Structures are given as structure tokens and as C-alpha cells.
Amino acid sequence: MSGSAGTTIRPEELYERMLLTLAEERPAHDMLHAAAGRQGHPTRVSTPFRRRDVHDSYEFAVIVEGSARVATATKVFDLTPGKVLLIEPGVEHDESPGDPPAQYVGFWCHIHDTMARLYRTRYVPPRTWRSGPALEAGGRTGLESIVRAITHELEQQEWNWLSSARALLVYLTSILIRRLRRGASLRLRASESPTISADARTWRVIQAALRHCDANFRRPLRLADVASAVGYSPSHLSRLISTHLGHSLSDHIRNLRMTAGKHLLETTDLAIGEIAHSLGYSDPAYFSHAFSRATGLSPRAYRRRMGIP
């Protein structure tokens, strides 16, 4: 994962290497699938040191060093290098080290609509996870439709399904690597957080807060507004978000706006001021400043980088 002594690998280069693991040839038993909608009793992992999560996006999980476990309500998946796990939206899952707990590095790729979010998790004994750096790669191609096709192949396993799934993974990988190479990625804040297993009620509150942000980030939105929507005090909600997600609610809202801003810059000819107002910024200059801090480019320079006049 690291280069030679004194060499620093850019996140884009790191994730390009990790993305290539998705396109590797592997036997059928190493293509794992956590499907939504299956009934079953909750599965308990053997270690209390775990990260609990659930998303409205598709997720690919790959272990690049060591071994880990991902447990859903119906199955425990033991992940080692060479295996790839596809998790469908809405599947609650626990990420934990193997037994006995030992250090590992995992790579996660979230796919939603045309967007991909890439990040690492690293477990360091006895009870600590570090995550990041994280990137969001945007573009015009509908990535989710490709992943749905992969899901269908894994679910149905009809004639030549493994070759079809591999080909789709290669196609998905090629799109994501092209995005990284042409600079179509937004670097998110790296985070480090202790291992804390949130109870079901806490996760429902966090998910409700994030859904409220997703639905309302295009207008002026404060922590107090989100806290009121979920029935918590601002300080309590802020503490829950930072403890369990490793970043603040304002970071989350800013990332949503920057991702949407990149999409509008790529796909429309709207003026910068119009884009700023559509994302809840009353001052276009403030939007330009925030965009430059997040991407390293001004909105106009970003359009030029993408080849858009």
C-alpha cells in the first residue's frame, strides 16, 4: 500500500490500485453477494469489536491485507484478499476483524446513480479503526445500472454468469479509473474513530438525519434544523454523528453540495452564481471558495479541466 521510502502515494493512485482488484479473475466461490429482502435471524459475530453500517447505495467490499468478517442478518462472510463482496442497498452489516482479531486493510466502493465513493478501513488492534482518505468520483455514466446487472448475474447464476459478472466488473473498474485519472474526484475528509457499536435506535436517528440532509441540502441548512427534524438537541446529534461516522454533520452537508456542484458544472451550462444559489449558497463567492478548498480548483477551472467551455 505504500511506496518506497520517502515516496507519498496520492489517494487517486492508491485507489486506482485497489480498484484493479475488482477486475481480477476469481473463482465463483470468491464472488460473494449480500442480498436485500431475505428473512432471517440476526447473526452475531464472534468479536465485540465491530463497525455497524447500512447504506442506500450498493457497496463493494474487498480486503487487501489480512482478513476480516462482514456479517449481515442471514450470513457471515469471511473476507480475505482475492474475494469481493457485493452488498445491496439497505442491508445492515457489521464489519469486524477475523478471529483472532488482527490488523487488516479493507477497500470499500459505494455506488449510487452516477456517483462512486471510495475509501479504506484499517483495523489496528486492540480496538481501533482508521478510515480514509476518501474520494467521490462523479461523471455522467449510470454506474448503478452496471452494478444492478452484476447483482442479477450473482443472484441468478445462469449460463456463463461468472464471465458476465467479470466483464461487468472490468467495465465498471475502467470507468472509475478513467475518472480518477482525469481528476473527476472530490477528496473527502479523512477520519479516524474508535470502534463503537451503535444500537439500532441510534442508527435509525443517524440515518434519519442523513436522509434529511440528502433531501434539504439545496437550501440553507443548519445543524439546529436537522436536529429538530429528528427530535434531538443539536449538541446530542452532533456528538452522535461525529462519534459514529467520524466526521461532522456540516462536513456531510458540504460534501453533498460539492458533489452536486461538480455534477452541475459537468452536465449544465448554468452560471456559477446560479449553481451556487441552487445549492443553498446565498453568496456565489463563498461557494467558489468552498469548492476550491474541496477540490483544489475553482468552479471555472474545474469546467476547463473537464473540457467544458
C-alpha atoms as a PDB file:
ATOM      1  CA  MET A   1       0.000   0.000   0.000  1.00  0.00           C
ATOM      2  CA  SER A   2       2.940   2.335   0.429  1.00  0.00           C
ATOM      3  CA  GLY A   3       5.690   3.249  -1.983  1.00  0.00           C
ATOM      4  CA  SER A   4       9.415   3.218  -1.463  1.00  0.00           C
ATOM      5  CA  ALA A   5      10.995   5.126   1.409  1.00  0.00           C
ATOM      6  CA  GLY A   6      10.279   8.818   1.142  1.00  0.00           C
ATOM      7  CA  THR A   7       7.552   8.340  -1.511  1.00  0.00           C
ATOM      8  CA  THR A   8       3.991   9.500  -0.889  1.00  0.00           C
ATOM      9  CA  ILE A   9       1.236   7.870  -2.915  1.00  0.00           C
ATOM     10  CA  ARG A  10      -1.651  10.150  -3.892  1.00  0.00           C
ATOM     11  CA  PRO A  11      -5.124   8.866  -2.912  1.00  0.00           C
ATOM     12  CA  GLU A  12      -6.072   8.691  -6.597  1.00  0.00           C
ATOM     13  CA  GLU A  13      -3.117   6.362  -7.271  1.00  0.00           C
ATOM     14  CA  LEU A  14      -3.863   4.293  -4.181  1.00  0.00           C
ATOM     15  CA  TYR A  15      -7.485   3.761  -5.180  1.00  0.00           C
ATOM     16  CA  GLU A  16      -6.583   3.043  -8.781  1.00  0.00           C
ATOM     17  CA  ARG A  17      -4.514   0.104  -7.490  1.00  0.00           C
ATOM     18  CA  MET A  18      -7.320  -1.031  -5.233  1.00  0.00           C
ATOM     19  CA  LEU A  19      -9.938  -0.709  -7.986  1.00  0.00           C
ATOM     20  CA  LEU A  20      -7.929  -3.095 -10.116  1.00  0.00           C
ATOM     21  CA  THR A  21      -8.650  -5.810  -7.547  1.00  0.00           C
ATOM     22  CA  LEU A  22     -12.321  -5.644  -8.583  1.00  0.00           C
ATOM     23  CA  ALA A  23     -11.414  -6.644 -12.142  1.00  0.00           C
ATOM     24  CA  GLU A  24      -9.250  -9.637 -11.198  1.00  0.00           C
ATOM     25  CA  GLU A  25     -10.305 -13.083 -12.339  1.00  0.00           C
ATOM     26  CA  ARG A  26     -11.574 -15.171  -9.442  1.00  0.00           C
ATOM     27  CA  PRO A  27     -13.462 -18.429  -8.965  1.00  0.00           C
ATOM     28  CA  ALA A  28     -17.193 -18.430  -8.386  1.00  0.00           C
ATOM     29  CA  HIS A  29     -16.865 -19.071  -4.640  1.00  0.00           C
ATOM     30  CA  ASP A  30     -14.912 -15.809  -4.265  1.00  0.00           C
ATOM     31  CA  MET A  31     -17.748 -13.713  -5.759  1.00  0.00           C
ATOM     32  CA  LEU A  32     -19.902 -13.057  -2.679  1.00  0.00           C
ATOM     33  CA  HIS A  33     -23.322 -11.431  -2.555  1.00  0.00           C
ATOM     34  CA  ALA A  34     -25.253  -9.963   0.402  1.00  0.00           C
ATOM     35  CA  ALA A  35     -28.783  -9.676  -0.967  1.00  0.00           C
ATOM     36  CA  ALA A  36     -31.575  -7.491   0.378  1.00  0.00           C
ATOM     37  CA  GLY A  37     -35.020  -8.733   1.308  1.00  0.00           C
ATOM     38  CA  ARG A  38     -34.069 -12.117   2.714  1.00  0.00           C
ATOM     39  CA  GLN A  39     -35.555 -13.071   6.059  1.00  0.00           C
ATOM     40  CA  GLY A  40     -33.502 -14.478   8.871  1.00  0.00           C
ATOM     41  CA  HIS A  41     -32.424 -14.130  12.460  1.00  0.00           C
ATOM     42  CA  PRO A  42     -29.679 -11.613  13.251  1.00  0.00           C
ATOM     43  CA  THR A  43     -26.210 -13.090  13.032  1.00  0.00           C
ATOM     44  CA  ARG A  44     -23.788 -12.347  15.846  1.00  0.00           C
ATOM     45  CA  VAL A  45     -20.131 -12.000  15.031  1.00  0.00           C
ATOM     46  CA  SER A  46     -17.642 -13.525  17.418  1.00  0.00           C
ATOM     47  CA  THR A  47     -15.938 -10.278  18.419  1.00  0.00           C
ATOM     48  CA  PRO A  48     -17.406  -7.201  20.095  1.00  0.00           C
ATOM     49  CA  PHE A  49     -15.014  -5.046  18.046  1.00  0.00           C
ATOM     50  CA  ARG A  50     -17.072  -4.161  15.007  1.00  0.00           C
ATOM     51  CA  ARG A  51     -18.396  -1.338  12.843  1.00  0.00           C
ATOM     52  CA  ARG A  52     -22.120  -1.395  12.085  1.00  0.00           C
ATOM     53  CA  ASP A  53     -23.402   0.229   8.921  1.00  0.00           C
ATOM     54  CA  VAL A  54     -26.258   0.400   6.437  1.00  0.00           C
ATOM     55  CA  HIS A  55     -26.496   2.472   3.243  1.00  0.00           C
ATOM     56  CA  ASP A  56     -28.909   3.282   0.440  1.00  0.00           C
ATOM     57  CA  SER A  57     -26.168   2.532  -2.096  1.00  0.00           C
ATOM     58  CA  TYR A  58     -24.550  -0.617  -3.460  1.00  0.00           C
ATOM     59  CA  GLU A  59     -21.247  -1.477  -1.781  1.00  0.00           C
ATOM     60  CA  PHE A  60     -18.254  -3.495  -2.882  1.00  0.00           C
ATOM     61  CA  ALA A  61     -16.012  -4.752  -0.072  1.00  0.00           C
ATOM     62  CA  VAL A  62     -12.506  -6.086  -0.732  1.00  0.00           C
ATOM     63  CA  ILE A  63      -9.805  -6.966   1.801  1.00  0.00           C
ATOM     64  CA  VAL A  64      -6.347  -6.120   0.506  1.00  0.00           C
ATOM     65  CA  GLU A  65      -4.313  -7.100   3.588  1.00  0.00           C
ATOM     66  CA  GLY A  66      -5.157  -9.536   6.384  1.00  0.00           C
ATOM     67  CA  SER A  67      -8.659 -10.909   6.911  1.00  0.00           C
ATOM     68  CA  ALA A  68     -11.992  -9.566   8.126  1.00  0.00           C
ATOM     69  CA  ARG A  69     -15.617 -10.522   8.538  1.00  0.00           C
ATOM     70  CA  VAL A  70     -18.786  -8.852   7.305  1.00  0.00           C
ATOM     71  CA  ALA A  71     -21.953 -10.113   8.994  1.00  0.00           C
ATOM     72  CA  THR A  72     -25.500  -9.495   7.769  1.00  0.00           C
ATOM     73  CA  ALA A  73     -28.783 -10.680   9.275  1.00  0.00           C
ATOM     74  CA  THR A  74     -28.509 -14.011   7.460  1.00  0.00           C
ATOM     75  CA  LYS A  75     -24.842 -14.760   6.851  1.00  0.00           C
ATOM     76  CA  VAL A  76     -21.255 -14.134   7.897  1.00  0.00           C
ATOM     77  CA  PHE A  77     -18.791 -13.527   5.060  1.00  0.00           C
ATOM     78  CA  ASP A  78     -15.122 -14.241   5.758  1.00  0.00           C
ATOM     79  CA  LEU A  79     -13.112 -11.911   3.542  1.00  0.00           C
ATOM     80  CA  THR A  80      -9.510 -12.479   2.530  1.00  0.00           C
ATOM     81  CA  PRO A  81      -7.527 -10.995  -0.374  1.00  0.00           C
ATOM     82  CA  GLY A  82      -8.982 -12.165  -3.693  1.00  0.00           C
ATOM     83  CA  LYS A  83     -12.621 -12.211  -2.576  1.00  0.00           C
ATOM     84  CA  VAL A  84     -15.134  -9.494  -3.452  1.00  0.00           C
ATOM     85  CA  LEU A  85     -18.416  -8.939  -1.612  1.00  0.00           C
ATOM     86  CA  LEU A  86     -21.302  -7.008  -3.200  1.00  0.00           C
ATOM     87  CA  ILE A  87     -23.768  -5.647  -0.612  1.00  0.00           C
ATOM     88  CA  GLU A  88     -27.167  -4.470  -1.781  1.00  0.00           C
ATOM     89  CA  PRO A  89     -28.772  -1.210  -0.551  1.00  0.00           C
ATOM     90  CA  GLY A  90     -30.496  -1.404   2.827  1.00  0.00           C
ATOM     91  CA  VAL A  91     -28.575  -4.447   4.083  1.00  0.00           C
ATOM     92  CA  GLU A  92     -27.378  -3.758   7.620  1.00  0.00           C
ATOM     93  CA  HIS A  93     -23.948  -5.242   8.183  1.00  0.00           C
ATOM     94  CA  ASP A  94     -21.165  -5.420  10.724  1.00  0.00           C
ATOM     95  CA  GLU A  95     -17.528  -5.128   9.739  1.00  0.00           C
ATOM     96  CA  SER A  96     -15.174  -6.837  12.184  1.00  0.00           C
ATOM     97  CA  PRO A  97     -11.696  -8.343  12.293  1.00  0.00           C
ATOM     98  CA  GLY A  98     -11.212 -12.071  11.889  1.00  0.00           C
ATOM     99  CA  ASP A  99     -10.792 -14.488  14.763  1.00  0.00           C
ATOM    100  CA  PRO A 100      -8.439 -13.905  16.498  1.00  0.00           C
ATOM    101  CA  PRO A 101      -8.550 -10.149  15.827  1.00  0.00           C
ATOM    102  CA  ALA A 102      -5.572  -9.000  13.767  1.00  0.00           C
ATOM    103  CA  GLN A 103      -4.694  -5.978  11.672  1.00  0.00           C
ATOM    104  CA  TYR A 104      -6.278  -5.712   8.223  1.00  0.00           C
ATOM    105  CA  VAL A 105      -6.910  -3.183   5.451  1.00  0.00           C
ATOM    106  CA  GLY A 106     -10.230  -3.101   3.610  1.00  0.00           C
ATOM    107  CA  PHE A 107     -11.327  -1.249   0.481  1.00  0.00           C
ATOM    108  CA  TRP A 108     -14.930  -0.100   0.037  1.00  0.00           C
ATOM    109  CA  CYS A 109     -16.613   1.261  -3.084  1.00  0.00           C
ATOM    110  CA  HIS A 110     -20.134   2.715  -2.770  1.00  0.00           C
ATOM    111  CA  ILE A 111     -22.183   3.152  -5.955  1.00  0.00           C
ATOM    112  CA  HIS A 112     -25.256   5.367  -6.194  1.00  0.00           C
ATOM    113  CA  ASP A 113     -26.691   6.584  -9.502  1.00  0.00           C
ATOM    114  CA  THR A 114     -23.712   8.106 -11.372  1.00  0.00           C
ATOM    115  CA  MET A 115     -21.503   8.564  -8.309  1.00  0.00           C
ATOM    116  CA  ALA A 116     -18.882   6.363  -6.632  1.00  0.00           C
ATOM    117  CA  ARG A 117     -17.378   6.826  -3.180  1.00  0.00           C
ATOM    118  CA  LEU A 118     -14.082   5.099  -2.419  1.00  0.00           C
ATOM    119  CA  TYR A 119     -12.465   4.704   0.969  1.00  0.00           C
ATOM    120  CA  ARG A 120     -10.313   2.429   3.103  1.00  0.00           C
ATOM    121  CA  THR A 121     -10.814   0.977   6.555  1.00  0.00           C
ATOM    122  CA  ARG A 122      -7.887  -0.240   8.583  1.00  0.00           C
ATOM    123  CA  TYR A 123      -8.277  -2.186  11.808  1.00  0.00           C
ATOM    124  CA  VAL A 124      -5.461  -1.771  14.316  1.00  0.00           C
ATOM    125  CA  PRO A 125      -5.618  -3.973  17.441  1.00  0.00           C
ATOM    126  CA  PRO A 126      -6.898  -3.831  20.031  1.00  0.00           C
ATOM    127  CA  ARG A 127      -9.998  -1.721  19.219  1.00  0.00           C
ATOM    128  CA  THR A 128      -9.319   0.976  16.668  1.00  0.00           C
ATOM    129  CA  TRP A 129     -10.377   1.581  13.065  1.00  0.00           C
ATOM    130  CA  ARG A 130      -8.934   4.260  10.850  1.00  0.00           C
ATOM    131  CA  SER A 131     -10.728   5.270   7.679  1.00  0.00           C
ATOM    132  CA  GLY A 132      -9.748   7.435   4.757  1.00  0.00           C
ATOM    133  CA  PRO A 133      -8.641   9.129   2.702  1.00  0.00           C
ATOM    134  CA  ALA A 134     -11.971   9.088   0.891  1.00  0.00           C
ATOM    135  CA  LEU A 135     -12.792  10.122  -2.667  1.00  0.00           C
ATOM    136  CA  GLU A 136     -16.031  10.696  -4.554  1.00  0.00           C
ATOM    137  CA  ALA A 137     -15.793  10.228  -8.311  1.00  0.00           C
ATOM    138  CA  GLY A 138     -18.575  11.740 -10.385  1.00  0.00           C
ATOM    139  CA  GLY A 139     -19.497  11.617 -14.045  1.00  0.00           C
ATOM    140  CA  ARG A 140     -22.343  11.060 -16.484  1.00  0.00           C
ATOM    141  CA  THR A 141     -22.337   7.278 -16.835  1.00  0.00           C
ATOM    142  CA  GLY A 142     -25.036   5.466 -14.848  1.00  0.00           C
ATOM    143  CA  LEU A 143     -22.879   3.271 -12.614  1.00  0.00           C
ATOM    144  CA  GLU A 144     -25.782   1.884 -10.633  1.00  0.00           C
ATOM    145  CA  SER A 145     -27.270   0.182 -13.693  1.00  0.00           C
ATOM    146  CA  ILE A 146     -23.979  -1.671 -14.198  1.00  0.00           C
ATOM    147  CA  VAL A 147     -23.979  -2.838 -10.587  1.00  0.00           C
ATOM    148  CA  ARG A 148     -27.617  -3.947 -10.851  1.00  0.00           C
ATOM    149  CA  ALA A 149     -26.596  -6.105 -13.801  1.00  0.00           C
ATOM    150  CA  ILE A 150     -23.781  -7.630 -11.713  1.00  0.00           C
ATOM    151  CA  THR A 151     -26.269  -8.265  -8.901  1.00  0.00           C
ATOM    152  CA  HIS A 152     -28.569 -10.067 -11.340  1.00  0.00           C
ATOM    153  CA  GLU A 153     -25.726 -12.321 -12.506  1.00  0.00           C
ATOM    154  CA  LEU A 154     -24.739 -13.192  -8.933  1.00  0.00           C
ATOM    155  CA  GLU A 155     -28.348 -13.845  -7.946  1.00  0.00           C
ATOM    156  CA  GLN A 156     -29.490 -15.918 -10.947  1.00  0.00           C
ATOM    157  CA  GLN A 157     -26.221 -17.700 -11.799  1.00  0.00           C
ATOM    158  CA  GLU A 158     -27.441 -18.655 -15.254  1.00  0.00           C
ATOM    159  CA  TRP A 159     -25.238 -19.943 -18.082  1.00  0.00           C
ATOM    160  CA  ASN A 160     -21.895 -18.103 -18.260  1.00  0.00           C
ATOM    161  CA  TRP A 161     -22.837 -15.885 -15.313  1.00  0.00           C
ATOM    162  CA  LEU A 162     -19.312 -15.726 -13.913  1.00  0.00           C
ATOM    163  CA  SER A 163     -17.812 -14.461 -17.184  1.00  0.00           C
ATOM    164  CA  SER A 164     -20.612 -11.892 -17.477  1.00  0.00           C
ATOM    165  CA  ALA A 165     -20.085 -10.658 -13.916  1.00  0.00           C
ATOM    166  CA  ARG A 166     -16.336 -10.378 -14.504  1.00  0.00           C
ATOM    167  CA  ALA A 167     -16.857  -8.424 -17.727  1.00  0.00           C
ATOM    168  CA  LEU A 168     -19.207  -6.005 -15.988  1.00  0.00           C
ATOM    169  CA  LEU A 169     -16.712  -5.517 -13.155  1.00  0.00           C
ATOM    170  CA  VAL A 170     -13.970  -4.752 -15.676  1.00  0.00           C
ATOM    171  CA  TYR A 171     -16.262  -2.207 -17.356  1.00  0.00           C
ATOM    172  CA  LEU A 172     -17.117  -0.581 -14.009  1.00  0.00           C
ATOM    173  CA  THR A 173     -13.452  -0.505 -12.994  1.00  0.00           C
ATOM    174  CA  SER A 174     -12.382   1.102 -16.270  1.00  0.00           C
ATOM    175  CA  ILE A 175     -14.916   3.923 -15.856  1.00  0.00           C
ATOM    176  CA  LEU A 176     -13.820   4.649 -12.294  1.00  0.00           C
ATOM    177  CA  ILE A 177     -10.105   4.596 -13.104  1.00  0.00           C
ATOM    178  CA  ARG A 178     -10.673   6.982 -16.028  1.00  0.00           C
ATOM    179  CA  ARG A 179     -12.451   9.356 -13.671  1.00  0.00           C
ATOM    180  CA  LEU A 180      -9.591   9.265 -11.200  1.00  0.00           C
ATOM    181  CA  ARG A 181      -7.020   9.865 -13.935  1.00  0.00           C
ATOM    182  CA  ARG A 182      -8.801  12.876 -15.402  1.00  0.00           C
ATOM    183  CA  GLY A 183      -9.295  14.465 -11.981  1.00  0.00           C
ATOM    184  CA  ALA A 184     -13.045  13.891 -11.695  1.00  0.00           C
ATOM    185  CA  SER A 185     -12.860  13.114  -7.989  1.00  0.00           C
ATOM    186  CA  LEU A 186     -13.631  15.036  -4.829  1.00  0.00           C
ATOM    187  CA  ARG A 187     -11.358  14.355  -1.875  1.00  0.00           C
ATOM    188  CA  LEU A 188     -13.303  13.993   1.351  1.00  0.00           C
ATOM    189  CA  ARG A 189     -12.032  14.463   4.867  1.00  0.00           C
ATOM    190  CA  ALA A 190     -10.036  11.540   6.219  1.00  0.00           C
ATOM    191  CA  SER A 191     -11.302  10.356   9.574  1.00  0.00           C
ATOM    192  CA  GLU A 192     -10.256   8.248  12.475  1.00  0.00           C
ATOM    193  CA  SER A 193     -12.691   6.981  15.037  1.00  0.00           C
ATOM    194  CA  PRO A 194     -12.777   4.403  17.800  1.00  0.00           C
ATOM    195  CA  THR A 195     -14.698   1.176  17.415  1.00  0.00           C
ATOM    196  CA  ILE A 196     -18.198   1.781  18.705  1.00  0.00           C
ATOM    197  CA  SER A 197     -21.168  -0.472  18.019  1.00  0.00           C
ATOM    198  CA  ALA A 198     -24.258   1.713  17.769  1.00  0.00           C
ATOM    199  CA  ASP A 199     -27.570   0.267  18.881  1.00  0.00           C
ATOM    200  CA  ALA A 200     -30.482   0.057  16.441  1.00  0.00           C
ATOM    201  CA  ARG A 201     -32.160   3.211  17.783  1.00  0.00           C
ATOM    202  CA  THR A 202     -29.008   5.290  17.402  1.00  0.00           C
ATOM    203  CA  TRP A 203     -28.535   4.121  13.809  1.00  0.00           C
ATOM    204  CA  ARG A 204     -32.154   4.987  13.000  1.00  0.00           C
ATOM    205  CA  VAL A 205     -31.581   8.526  14.280  1.00  0.00           C
ATOM    206  CA  ILE A 206     -28.337   8.895  12.319  1.00  0.00           C
ATOM    207  CA  GLN A 207     -29.915   7.575   9.135  1.00  0.00           C
ATOM    208  CA  ALA A 208     -32.922   9.898   9.594  1.00  0.00           C
ATOM    209  CA  ALA A 209     -30.569  12.859   9.980  1.00  0.00           C
ATOM    210  CA  LEU A 210     -28.622  11.918   6.850  1.00  0.00           C
ATOM    211  CA  ARG A 211     -31.837  11.437   4.870  1.00  0.00           C
ATOM    212  CA  HIS A 212     -32.988  14.893   5.981  1.00  0.00           C
ATOM    213  CA  CYS A 213     -29.689  16.337   4.767  1.00  0.00           C
ATOM    214  CA  ASP A 214     -29.992  14.486   1.446  1.00  0.00           C
ATOM    215  CA  ALA A 215     -33.469  15.935   0.908  1.00  0.00           C
ATOM    216  CA  ASN A 216     -32.721  19.504   2.019  1.00  0.00           C
ATOM    217  CA  PHE A 217     -29.063  20.309   1.353  1.00  0.00           C
ATOM    218  CA  ARG A 218     -30.038  22.501  -1.623  1.00  0.00           C
ATOM    219  CA  ARG A 219     -31.406  25.144   0.734  1.00  0.00           C
ATOM    220  CA  PRO A 220     -29.793  26.860   3.731  1.00  0.00           C
ATOM    221  CA  LEU A 221     -29.492  24.075   6.310  1.00  0.00           C
ATOM    222  CA  ARG A 222     -28.190  24.320   9.877  1.00  0.00           C
ATOM    223  CA  LEU A 223     -27.410  21.715  12.498  1.00  0.00           C
ATOM    224  CA  ALA A 224     -30.376  23.026  14.518  1.00  0.00           C
ATOM    225  CA  ASP A 225     -32.718  22.356  11.566  1.00  0.00           C
ATOM    226  CA  VAL A 226     -31.583  18.744  11.226  1.00  0.00           C
ATOM    227  CA  ALA A 227     -31.688  18.171  14.989  1.00  0.00           C
ATOM    228  CA  SER A 228     -35.248  19.500  15.148  1.00  0.00           C
ATOM    229  CA  ALA A 229     -36.285  17.176  12.306  1.00  0.00           C
ATOM    230  CA  VAL A 230     -35.123  14.083  14.216  1.00  0.00           C
ATOM    231  CA  GLY A 231     -36.178  15.249  17.680  1.00  0.00           C
ATOM    232  CA  TYR A 232     -32.719  15.609  19.230  1.00  0.00           C
ATOM    233  CA  SER A 233     -30.795  18.546  20.629  1.00  0.00           C
ATOM    234  CA  PRO A 234     -28.123  19.956  18.278  1.00  0.00           C
ATOM    235  CA  SER A 235     -25.300  19.043  20.668  1.00  0.00           C
ATOM    236  CA  HIS A 236     -26.538  15.465  21.118  1.00  0.00           C
ATOM    237  CA  LEU A 237     -26.994  14.889  17.388  1.00  0.00           C
ATOM    238  CA  SER A 238     -23.605  16.434  16.618  1.00  0.00           C
ATOM    239  CA  ARG A 239     -21.969  14.076  19.101  1.00  0.00           C
ATOM    240  CA  LEU A 240     -23.717  11.018  17.615  1.00  0.00           C
ATOM    241  CA  ILE A 241     -22.686  11.916  14.065  1.00  0.00           C
ATOM    242  CA  SER A 242     -19.050  12.639  14.863  1.00  0.00           C
ATOM    243  CA  THR A 243     -18.712   9.569  17.113  1.00  0.00           C
ATOM    244  CA  HIS A 244     -20.209   7.015  14.751  1.00  0.00           C
ATOM    245  CA  LEU A 245     -19.374   8.450  11.320  1.00  0.00           C
ATOM    246  CA  GLY A 246     -16.017  10.046  12.063  1.00  0.00           C
ATOM    247  CA  HIS A 247     -16.948  13.455  10.621  1.00  0.00           C
ATOM    248  CA  SER A 248     -19.289  16.327  11.431  1.00  0.00           C
ATOM    249  CA  LEU A 249     -22.761  16.959  10.047  1.00  0.00           C
ATOM    250  CA  SER A 250     -21.526  20.169   8.410  1.00  0.00           C
ATOM    251  CA  ASP A 251     -18.841  18.106   6.626  1.00  0.00           C
ATOM    252  CA  HIS A 252     -21.577  15.792   5.335  1.00  0.00           C
ATOM    253  CA  ILE A 253     -23.705  18.677   4.062  1.00  0.00           C
ATOM    254  CA  ARG A 254     -20.696  20.317   2.414  1.00  0.00           C
ATOM    255  CA  ASN A 255     -19.761  17.051   0.684  1.00  0.00           C
ATOM    256  CA  LEU A 256     -23.312  16.695  -0.649  1.00  0.00           C
ATOM    257  CA  ARG A 257     -23.168  20.234  -2.028  1.00  0.00           C
ATOM    258  CA  MET A 258     -19.739  19.801  -3.571  1.00  0.00           C
ATOM    259  CA  THR A 259     -20.768  16.541  -5.242  1.00  0.00           C
ATOM    260  CA  ALA A 260     -23.933  18.141  -6.622  1.00  0.00           C
ATOM    261  CA  GLY A 261     -21.932  21.193  -7.677  1.00  0.00           C
ATOM    262  CA  LYS A 262     -19.485  19.057  -9.656  1.00  0.00           C
ATOM    263  CA  HIS A 263     -22.382  17.316 -11.366  1.00  0.00           C
ATOM    264  CA  LEU A 264     -23.990  20.638 -12.359  1.00  0.00           C
ATOM    265  CA  LEU A 265     -20.683  22.029 -13.598  1.00  0.00           C
ATOM    266  CA  GLU A 266     -20.186  18.909 -15.747  1.00  0.00           C
ATOM    267  CA  THR A 267     -23.681  18.493 -17.135  1.00  0.00           C
ATOM    268  CA  THR A 268     -25.185  22.007 -17.428  1.00  0.00           C
ATOM    269  CA  ASP A 269     -24.230  25.433 -18.737  1.00  0.00           C
ATOM    270  CA  LEU A 270     -25.614  27.205 -15.666  1.00  0.00           C
ATOM    271  CA  ALA A 271     -23.671  30.229 -14.475  1.00  0.00           C
ATOM    272  CA  ILE A 272     -21.589  29.791 -11.312  1.00  0.00           C
ATOM    273  CA  GLY A 273     -23.935  32.088  -9.408  1.00  0.00           C
ATOM    274  CA  GLU A 274     -26.972  30.035 -10.447  1.00  0.00           C
ATOM    275  CA  ILE A 275     -25.294  26.824  -9.305  1.00  0.00           C
ATOM    276  CA  ALA A 276     -24.354  28.417  -6.001  1.00  0.00           C
ATOM    277  CA  HIS A 277     -27.938  29.527  -5.298  1.00  0.00           C
ATOM    278  CA  SER A 278     -29.317  26.124  -6.311  1.00  0.00           C
ATOM    279  CA  LEU A 279     -27.095  24.530  -3.639  1.00  0.00           C
ATOM    280  CA  GLY A 280     -28.169  26.779  -0.788  1.00  0.00           C
ATOM    281  CA  TYR A 281     -25.358  29.365  -1.003  1.00  0.00           C
ATOM    282  CA  SER A 282     -26.534  32.979  -0.831  1.00  0.00           C
ATOM    283  CA  ASP A 283     -23.065  34.210  -1.813  1.00  0.00           C
ATOM    284  CA  PRO A 284     -21.555  32.773  -5.046  1.00  0.00           C
ATOM    285  CA  ALA A 285     -18.079  33.816  -3.872  1.00  0.00           C
ATOM    286  CA  TYR A 286     -18.461  31.654  -0.762  1.00  0.00           C
ATOM    287  CA  PHE A 287     -19.458  28.684  -2.928  1.00  0.00           C
ATOM    288  CA  SER A 288     -16.418  29.230  -5.152  1.00  0.00           C
ATOM    289  CA  HIS A 289     -14.169  29.401  -2.076  1.00  0.00           C
ATOM    290  CA  ALA A 290     -15.667  26.202  -0.603  1.00  0.00           C
ATOM    291  CA  PHE A 291     -15.390  24.414  -3.957  1.00  0.00           C
ATOM    292  CA  SER A 292     -11.746  25.442  -4.351  1.00  0.00           C
ATOM    293  CA  ARG A 293     -10.887  24.202  -0.849  1.00  0.00           C
ATOM    294  CA  ALA A 294     -12.600  20.862  -1.503  1.00  0.00           C
ATOM    295  CA  THR A 295     -11.254  20.153  -4.999  1.00  0.00           C
ATOM    296  CA  GLY A 296      -8.174  22.324  -5.406  1.00  0.00           C
ATOM    297  CA  LEU A 297      -9.806  24.015  -8.412  1.00  0.00           C
ATOM    298  CA  SER A 298     -12.157  26.959  -8.830  1.00  0.00           C
ATOM    299  CA  PRO A 299     -15.533  26.123 -10.432  1.00  0.00           C
ATOM    300  CA  ARG A 300     -14.385  27.683 -13.731  1.00  0.00           C
ATOM    301  CA  ALA A 301     -11.043  25.837 -13.633  1.00  0.00           C
ATOM    302  CA  TYR A 302     -12.918  22.611 -12.892  1.00  0.00           C
ATOM    303  CA  ARG A 303     -15.040  23.088 -16.003  1.00  0.00           C
ATOM    304  CA  ARG A 304     -11.933  23.712 -18.084  1.00  0.00           C
ATOM    305  CA  ARG A 305     -10.298  20.572 -16.628  1.00  0.00           C
ATOM    306  CA  MET A 306     -13.357  18.580 -17.679  1.00  0.00           C
ATOM    307  CA  GLY A 307     -13.142  20.036 -21.204  1.00  0.00           C
ATOM    308  CA  ILE A 308     -16.329  22.059 -20.854  1.00  0.00           C
ATOM    309  CA  PRO A 309     -16.271  25.598 -22.314  1.00  0.00           C
END
